[in-house]
């Protein structure tokens, strides 16, 4: 199950439309993606590795970076991670 907490309606509708065709692993990946996206919207940076409550999001981000470096990441996931990365840096530039 994906818990939706953010205001980006387009992304949410897209996820809802795609959910019937997803496996459990893909649903879990998308829920982590959505959680990190919400965290970035609220905090404008990746979670702190020293704070236990959001460490899982940081570990998920680092694991996916490792998958990218080894070439085991799908194009769809790569594009979603690029959006998160751009979101991170755009917020820094706006400050």
C-alpha atoms as a PDB file:
ATOM      1  CA  UNK A   1       0.000   0.000   0.000  1.00  0.00           C
ATOM      2  CA  UNK A   2       1.288   3.468  -0.860  1.00  0.00           C
ATOM      3  CA  UNK A   3       0.663   6.188   1.700  1.00  0.00           C
ATOM      4  CA  UNK A   4       0.157   9.487  -0.077  1.00  0.00           C
ATOM      5  CA  UNK A   5       0.873  12.612   1.949  1.00  0.00           C
ATOM      6  CA  UNK A   6       1.976  15.304  -0.492  1.00  0.00           C
ATOM      7  CA  UNK A   7       0.241  17.841  -2.634  1.00  0.00           C
ATOM      8  CA  UNK A   8       1.538  16.955  -6.094  1.00  0.00           C
ATOM      9  CA  UNK A   9      -1.747  15.747  -7.592  1.00  0.00           C
ATOM     10  CA  UNK A  10      -0.373  14.782 -11.007  1.00  0.00           C
ATOM     11  CA  UNK A  11       2.211  12.392  -9.588  1.00  0.00           C
ATOM     12  CA  UNK A  12      -0.333  10.925  -7.190  1.00  0.00           C
ATOM     13  CA  UNK A  13      -2.860  10.254  -9.949  1.00  0.00           C
ATOM     14  CA  UNK A  14      -0.158   8.696 -12.105  1.00  0.00           C
ATOM     15  CA  UNK A  15       0.859   6.400  -9.260  1.00  0.00           C
ATOM     16  CA  UNK A  16      -2.737   5.409  -8.581  1.00  0.00           C
ATOM     17  CA  UNK A  17      -3.310   4.611 -12.259  1.00  0.00           C
ATOM     18  CA  UNK A  18      -0.158   2.486 -12.410  1.00  0.00           C
ATOM     19  CA  UNK A  19      -0.638   0.611  -9.131  1.00  0.00           C
ATOM     20  CA  UNK A  20      -2.764  -2.219 -10.569  1.00  0.00           C
ATOM     21  CA  UNK A  21       0.102  -3.225 -12.875  1.00  0.00           C
ATOM     22  CA  UNK A  22       2.842  -3.165 -10.229  1.00  0.00           C
ATOM     23  CA  UNK A  23       4.388  -5.988  -8.248  1.00  0.00           C
ATOM     24  CA  UNK A  24       4.811  -5.791  -4.480  1.00  0.00           C
ATOM     25  CA  UNK A  25       8.468  -4.804  -4.873  1.00  0.00           C
ATOM     26  CA  UNK A  26       7.553  -2.008  -7.269  1.00  0.00           C
ATOM     27  CA  UNK A  27       4.859  -0.773  -4.881  1.00  0.00           C
ATOM     28  CA  UNK A  28       7.380  -0.792  -2.037  1.00  0.00           C
ATOM     29  CA  UNK A  29       9.910   1.095  -4.183  1.00  0.00           C
ATOM     30  CA  UNK A  30       7.297   3.702  -5.080  1.00  0.00           C
ATOM     31  CA  UNK A  31       6.268   4.140  -1.457  1.00  0.00           C
ATOM     32  CA  UNK A  32       9.911   4.811  -0.500  1.00  0.00           C
ATOM     33  CA  UNK A  33      10.194   7.207  -3.432  1.00  0.00           C
ATOM     34  CA  UNK A  34       7.072   9.078  -2.353  1.00  0.00           C
ATOM     35  CA  UNK A  35       8.237   9.236   1.274  1.00  0.00           C
ATOM     36  CA  UNK A  36      11.622  10.668   0.258  1.00  0.00           C
ATOM     37  CA  UNK A  37       9.947  13.131  -2.128  1.00  0.00           C
ATOM     38  CA  UNK A  38       7.724  14.370   0.711  1.00  0.00           C
ATOM     39  CA  UNK A  39      10.747  14.633   3.006  1.00  0.00           C
ATOM     40  CA  UNK A  40      12.638  16.675   0.408  1.00  0.00           C
ATOM     41  CA  UNK A  41       9.668  18.987  -0.103  1.00  0.00           C
ATOM     42  CA  UNK A  42       9.478  19.636   3.619  1.00  0.00           C
ATOM     43  CA  UNK A  43      13.193  19.792   4.505  1.00  0.00           C
ATOM     44  CA  UNK A  44      15.019  20.643   1.253  1.00  0.00           C
ATOM     45  CA  UNK A  45      17.786  18.124   1.997  1.00  0.00           C
ATOM     46  CA  UNK A  46      18.370  14.411   2.446  1.00  0.00           C
ATOM     47  CA  UNK A  47      17.705  12.938   5.906  1.00  0.00           C
ATOM     48  CA  UNK A  48      20.427  13.139   8.514  1.00  0.00           C
ATOM     49  CA  UNK A  49      22.229   9.806   8.964  1.00  0.00           C
ATOM     50  CA  UNK A  50      22.468  10.390  12.715  1.00  0.00           C
ATOM     51  CA  UNK A  51      18.696  10.633  13.239  1.00  0.00           C
ATOM     52  CA  UNK A  52      17.105   7.204  13.472  1.00  0.00           C
ATOM     53  CA  UNK A  53      13.551   8.175  12.438  1.00  0.00           C
ATOM     54  CA  UNK A  54      14.449   8.898   8.784  1.00  0.00           C
ATOM     55  CA  UNK A  55      17.625   6.874   8.358  1.00  0.00           C
ATOM     56  CA  UNK A  56      15.752   4.308   6.267  1.00  0.00           C
ATOM     57  CA  UNK A  57      15.051   6.927   3.597  1.00  0.00           C
ATOM     58  CA  UNK A  58      18.717   7.856   3.404  1.00  0.00           C
ATOM     59  CA  UNK A  59      19.722   4.186   3.167  1.00  0.00           C
ATOM     60  CA  UNK A  60      17.155   3.676   0.386  1.00  0.00           C
ATOM     61  CA  UNK A  61      18.621   6.663  -1.513  1.00  0.00           C
ATOM     62  CA  UNK A  62      22.195   5.365  -1.142  1.00  0.00           C
ATOM     63  CA  UNK A  63      21.193   1.823  -2.166  1.00  0.00           C
ATOM     64  CA  UNK A  64      19.604   3.157  -5.348  1.00  0.00           C
ATOM     65  CA  UNK A  65      22.714   5.205  -6.111  1.00  0.00           C
ATOM     66  CA  UNK A  66      24.701   1.974  -5.838  1.00  0.00           C
ATOM     67  CA  UNK A  67      22.276   0.258  -8.235  1.00  0.00           C
ATOM     68  CA  UNK A  68      22.749   3.151 -10.659  1.00  0.00           C
ATOM     69  CA  UNK A  69      26.534   2.836 -10.571  1.00  0.00           C
ATOM     70  CA  UNK A  70      26.341  -0.892 -11.294  1.00  0.00           C
ATOM     71  CA  UNK A  71      23.815  -0.399 -14.111  1.00  0.00           C
ATOM     72  CA  UNK A  72      20.994  -2.349 -12.452  1.00  0.00           C
ATOM     73  CA  UNK A  73      18.442   0.483 -12.305  1.00  0.00           C
ATOM     74  CA  UNK A  74      15.560   0.682 -14.808  1.00  0.00           C
ATOM     75  CA  UNK A  75      15.127   3.797 -16.932  1.00  0.00           C
ATOM     76  CA  UNK A  76      11.817   4.602 -15.221  1.00  0.00           C
ATOM     77  CA  UNK A  77      13.375   4.504 -11.767  1.00  0.00           C
ATOM     78  CA  UNK A  78      16.424   6.403 -12.961  1.00  0.00           C
ATOM     79  CA  UNK A  79      14.206   9.220 -14.220  1.00  0.00           C
ATOM     80  CA  UNK A  80      12.306   9.364 -10.916  1.00  0.00           C
ATOM     81  CA  UNK A  81      15.573   9.525  -8.965  1.00  0.00           C
ATOM     82  CA  UNK A  82      16.822  12.282 -11.258  1.00  0.00           C
ATOM     83  CA  UNK A  83      13.684  14.249 -10.422  1.00  0.00           C
ATOM     84  CA  UNK A  84      14.411  13.833  -6.712  1.00  0.00           C
ATOM     85  CA  UNK A  85      18.000  14.929  -7.224  1.00  0.00           C
ATOM     86  CA  UNK A  86      16.933  17.976  -9.221  1.00  0.00           C
ATOM     87  CA  UNK A  87      14.402  18.800  -6.527  1.00  0.00           C
ATOM     88  CA  UNK A  88      17.181  18.671  -3.940  1.00  0.00           C
ATOM     89  CA  UNK A  89      19.458  21.035  -5.814  1.00  0.00           C
ATOM     90  CA  UNK A  90      16.739  23.395  -7.027  1.00  0.00           C
ATOM     91  CA  UNK A  91      15.682  24.020  -3.445  1.00  0.00           C
ATOM     92  CA  UNK A  92      19.277  24.791  -2.495  1.00  0.00           C
ATOM     93  CA  UNK A  93      19.582  27.280  -5.340  1.00  0.00           C
ATOM     94  CA  UNK A  94      16.319  29.019  -4.380  1.00  0.00           C
ATOM     95  CA  UNK A  95      17.466  29.670  -0.813  1.00  0.00           C
END
